[in-house]
Amino acid sequence: MNLYEYLEEYKTLTLEMIDKIRKDGNLDVLVNKREEILKAINELGFDKEDIKRIGNLLNLLELEEELELLIKKEKVEVKKKIESLKKTRQANANYNKIEYRARVFNKTI
C-alpha cells in the first residue's frame, strides 16, 4: 500500500468512529485498526511533508477535531449518567435507613 491508501483507510475508519459515537457503538476494533495504520506508516518511514500534504487533501485534521469533540461530549454525558446513578443510590440508601428507623420507632412504642 502507498501512503495515500493508508491515509484514505485512516479517514474511512475515522468517519466510521464518528458514526459509531453518534449511535453509541463500540469503538475498540476501529481504534485498534487506526493504531495499526499509524504503526505501518511509521514503520515504512514516509516523509512527514507527504503525510501533511495528503492529510490536508483528505481533510484529516478537521475529521480528527470533529472526532475529538464528539468523544469529549460523550465523555461528559457518561459522567452525568454516573453522577445521576450515584445520587439515585444515595437516595435509596437514605430512604432505606429512614424506613428501618421508622419500624424501630413503631416497635418501641
Foldseek 3Di string as FASTA:
>chain_A
DDLLVLVVVLLVLLVVLLVCLVVVHDCVVSVVVNVVSVVVCVVVDDDPVVNVVSCVVSVVVVSVVSSVVSVVVVVVVVVVVVVVVVVVVVVVVVVVVVVVVVVVVVVVD
